[in-house]
């Protein structure tokens, strides 16, 4: 999929949005979601769009997005301002549901096809939020999400590991008071530094 280094980001995004490499595996068909600009200071590296994101065309346009925006202390306008925040999931299309509930993992074809090429255009990034296990495993190798989140300082200043902000995380947060006490204030501080 790689083209010339002289390709513009707009041209690349148009190619990404036209992608159909895993169309036969996608229950709702291909609809790659990518929110990027060269000016973005923060990148949210997440899992894959859910059904609401697929329908709306906006990543994190659901309760998990509200939770993530709350963690980051960003308004909806700032969150979707690509000159501030870019969103590049590991899988760009909704992958479907697992038989026992929950979304399927991101399609394995997606990140190798597009990720590095898109990232090469995001030259203003100061902070990458690794949201959930898929982005953390892809970027940092296998490991425990909880341990990485607790030891977030080890990955700064480039990366900030976070759990996926699903409703299940609310249950986990109750057992991990250090998350709201230590991680969230530090995350907000790093967000403000990256946007300054």
Protein backbone atom coordinates (compact mmCIF):
# COMPACT_ATOMS: atom_id res chain seq x y z
CA UNK A 1 0.00 0.00 0.00
CA UNK A 2 2.98 2.34 0.41
CA UNK A 3 3.25 5.17 -2.07
CA UNK A 4 5.80 7.92 -2.59
CA UNK A 5 7.03 9.93 0.38
CA UNK A 6 5.84 12.96 -1.59
CA UNK A 7 2.18 11.97 -1.24
CA UNK A 8 0.12 14.48 0.71
CA UNK A 9 -1.68 13.50 3.87
CA UNK A 10 -5.01 14.38 2.23
CA UNK A 11 -4.25 11.99 -0.64
CA UNK A 12 -3.22 9.26 1.79
CA UNK A 13 -6.37 9.72 3.88
CA UNK A 14 -8.46 9.46 0.71
CA UNK A 15 -6.75 6.13 -0.10
CA UNK A 16 -7.30 4.91 3.47
CA UNK A 17 -10.99 5.81 3.35
CA UNK A 18 -11.33 3.89 0.07
CA UNK A 19 -9.71 0.76 1.54
CA UNK A 20 -11.54 -2.55 1.09
CA UNK A 21 -8.78 -5.07 1.95
CA UNK A 22 -10.83 -6.89 4.56
CA UNK A 23 -14.32 -6.12 3.21
CA UNK A 24 -15.42 -9.79 3.11
CA UNK A 25 -14.77 -10.05 6.88
CA UNK A 26 -16.66 -6.92 7.91
CA UNK A 27 -20.33 -7.44 8.86
CA UNK A 28 -21.28 -3.80 8.16
CA UNK A 29 -18.89 -3.37 5.25
CA UNK A 30 -15.81 -1.17 5.06
CA UNK A 31 -15.97 2.36 6.46
CA UNK A 32 -12.45 3.28 7.59
CA UNK A 33 -12.49 5.92 10.32
CA UNK A 34 -9.43 8.13 10.59
CA UNK A 35 -9.22 11.63 12.10
CA UNK A 36 -5.80 13.19 11.43
CA UNK A 37 -3.92 16.34 10.48
CA UNK A 38 -0.26 17.28 10.28
CA UNK A 39 -0.82 19.75 13.14
CA UNK A 40 -2.13 17.20 15.65
CA UNK A 41 -0.19 17.22 18.92
CA UNK A 42 -1.83 14.16 20.49
CA UNK A 43 -2.59 10.81 18.91
CA UNK A 44 -5.18 8.43 20.29
CA UNK A 45 -4.12 4.94 19.25
CA UNK A 46 -7.20 2.88 20.02
CA UNK A 47 -8.75 -0.50 19.18
CA UNK A 48 -11.34 -0.23 16.38
CA UNK A 49 -14.59 1.67 15.85
CA UNK A 50 -17.77 0.34 17.44
CA UNK A 51 -21.20 0.33 15.83
CA UNK A 52 -22.06 3.88 16.92
CA UNK A 53 -18.78 5.18 15.48
CA UNK A 54 -19.42 3.24 12.27
CA UNK A 55 -22.91 4.74 11.93
CA UNK A 56 -21.91 8.31 12.88
CA UNK A 57 -18.53 8.42 11.15
CA UNK A 58 -16.98 9.75 14.39
CA UNK A 59 -14.62 7.69 16.52
CA UNK A 60 -15.50 7.53 20.23
CA UNK A 61 -18.93 9.03 19.63
CA UNK A 62 -20.42 6.90 22.41
CA UNK A 63 -20.23 6.44 26.20
CA UNK A 64 -16.63 5.20 26.01
CA UNK A 65 -15.75 8.43 24.19
CA UNK A 66 -17.37 10.51 26.93
CA UNK A 67 -15.33 8.60 29.50
CA UNK A 68 -12.10 9.11 27.52
CA UNK A 69 -12.81 12.84 27.07
CA UNK A 70 -13.44 13.08 30.80
CA UNK A 71 -10.13 11.36 31.56
CA UNK A 72 -8.38 13.78 29.21
CA UNK A 73 -10.37 16.78 30.49
CA UNK A 74 -11.14 17.85 26.92
CA UNK A 75 -14.34 19.27 25.51
CA UNK A 76 -15.98 17.48 22.60
CA UNK A 77 -14.91 20.34 20.31
CA UNK A 78 -11.24 20.04 21.32
CA UNK A 79 -11.34 16.24 21.18
CA UNK A 80 -12.55 16.27 17.56
CA UNK A 81 -10.28 19.15 16.50
CA UNK A 82 -7.69 17.30 14.41
CA UNK A 83 -5.25 20.18 14.76
CA UNK A 84 -5.09 19.11 18.41
CA UNK A 85 -6.03 15.42 18.56
CA UNK A 86 -5.64 12.72 15.92
CA UNK A 87 -7.44 9.38 16.20
CA UNK A 88 -5.91 6.38 14.46
CA UNK A 89 -7.33 3.03 15.61
CA UNK A 90 -5.44 -0.24 15.13
CA UNK A 91 -8.36 -1.37 12.99
CA UNK A 92 -10.05 1.36 10.99
CA UNK A 93 -13.38 -0.42 10.43
CA UNK A 94 -15.93 -1.97 12.75
CA UNK A 95 -14.84 -5.63 13.02
CA UNK A 96 -18.10 -7.19 14.23
CA UNK A 97 -19.22 -8.92 17.42
CA UNK A 98 -17.83 -11.94 19.20
CA UNK A 99 -20.27 -14.84 19.73
CA UNK A 100 -20.27 -14.29 23.50
CA UNK A 101 -20.52 -10.49 23.30
CA UNK A 102 -18.09 -7.64 22.89
CA UNK A 103 -16.45 -6.46 19.70
CA UNK A 104 -14.07 -8.65 17.73
CA UNK A 105 -10.39 -7.67 17.70
CA UNK A 106 -9.22 -5.20 15.05
CA UNK A 107 -8.67 -6.86 11.68
CA UNK A 108 -5.02 -7.98 11.47
CA UNK A 109 -4.58 -6.63 7.92
CA UNK A 110 -5.27 -3.04 8.87
CA UNK A 111 -2.38 -1.73 10.98
CA UNK A 112 0.36 -3.24 8.78
CA UNK A 113 -1.32 -1.80 5.69
CA UNK A 114 -1.73 1.78 6.87
CA UNK A 115 -0.38 2.65 10.32
CA UNK A 116 3.28 3.48 9.65
CA UNK A 117 2.46 5.37 6.49
CA UNK A 118 -0.09 7.57 8.24
CA UNK A 119 2.17 8.12 11.25
CA UNK A 120 4.98 9.29 8.97
CA UNK A 121 2.80 12.32 8.10
CA UNK A 122 1.94 13.22 11.72
CA UNK A 123 5.13 15.15 12.37
CA UNK A 124 3.79 17.45 15.13
CA UNK A 125 2.85 14.68 17.59
CA UNK A 126 4.06 15.18 21.14
CA UNK A 127 2.08 12.46 22.93
CA UNK A 128 0.57 9.11 21.91
CA UNK A 129 -2.17 7.65 24.08
CA UNK A 130 -2.06 3.86 23.82
CA UNK A 131 -5.70 3.09 24.63
CA UNK A 132 -6.32 -0.58 25.38
CA UNK A 133 -4.44 -3.80 24.86
CA UNK A 134 -4.30 -3.86 21.05
CA UNK A 135 -2.46 -0.57 20.64
CA UNK A 136 -0.18 -1.36 23.58
CA UNK A 137 0.72 -4.82 22.29
CA UNK A 138 1.34 -3.47 18.78
CA UNK A 139 3.55 -0.64 20.01
CA UNK A 140 5.21 -2.01 23.16
CA UNK A 141 4.92 -5.79 22.75
CA UNK A 142 2.87 -8.16 24.90
CA UNK A 143 2.24 -7.16 28.50
CA UNK A 144 -0.34 -6.38 31.14
CA UNK A 145 -2.48 -3.31 30.47
CA UNK A 146 -3.02 -2.74 34.19
CA UNK A 147 0.69 -2.90 34.98
CA UNK A 148 1.54 -0.57 32.11
CA UNK A 149 -1.12 1.93 33.16
CA UNK A 150 0.13 1.85 36.74
CA UNK A 151 3.73 2.29 35.54
CA UNK A 152 2.79 4.97 32.96
CA UNK A 153 5.79 7.19 33.79
CA UNK A 154 8.10 4.56 32.33
CA UNK A 155 6.67 5.25 28.85
CA UNK A 156 6.73 9.05 28.96
CA UNK A 157 7.30 11.42 27.29
CA UNK A 158 6.25 9.67 24.03
CA UNK A 159 3.56 7.23 25.17
CA UNK A 160 0.85 7.19 27.82
CA UNK A 161 -0.82 3.76 28.24
CA UNK A 162 -4.49 3.74 29.22
CA UNK A 163 -7.16 1.07 29.63
CA UNK A 164 -9.96 0.97 27.11
CA UNK A 165 -12.65 3.38 28.41
CA UNK A 166 -15.55 0.91 28.13
CA UNK A 167 -18.16 0.45 30.84
CA UNK A 168 -16.12 -2.50 32.12
CA UNK A 169 -13.35 -0.11 33.07
CA UNK A 170 -15.65 1.52 35.62
CA UNK A 171 -15.67 -1.74 37.57
CA UNK A 172 -11.86 -1.99 37.28
CA UNK A 173 -11.43 1.63 38.44
CA UNK A 174 -13.18 0.83 41.72
CA UNK A 175 -10.51 -1.79 42.44
CA UNK A 176 -7.70 0.54 41.32
CA UNK A 177 -8.09 3.85 43.21
CA UNK A 178 -4.60 4.85 42.07
CA UNK A 179 -6.01 5.30 38.56
CA UNK A 180 -8.13 8.34 39.46
CA UNK A 181 -5.69 9.44 42.17
CA UNK A 182 -2.43 9.30 40.19
CA UNK A 183 -2.90 8.42 36.55
CA UNK A 184 -5.70 10.81 35.57
CA UNK A 185 -4.06 13.96 37.03
CA UNK A 186 -0.78 13.04 35.30
CA UNK A 187 -2.63 12.33 32.03
CA UNK A 188 -4.30 15.75 32.14
CA UNK A 189 -0.97 17.41 32.82
CA UNK A 190 0.65 15.63 29.85
CA UNK A 191 -2.30 16.56 27.62
CA UNK A 192 -1.94 20.24 28.52
CA UNK A 193 1.83 20.14 27.95
CA UNK A 194 1.33 18.51 24.54
CA UNK A 195 -1.24 21.13 23.51
CA UNK A 196 0.71 24.11 24.85
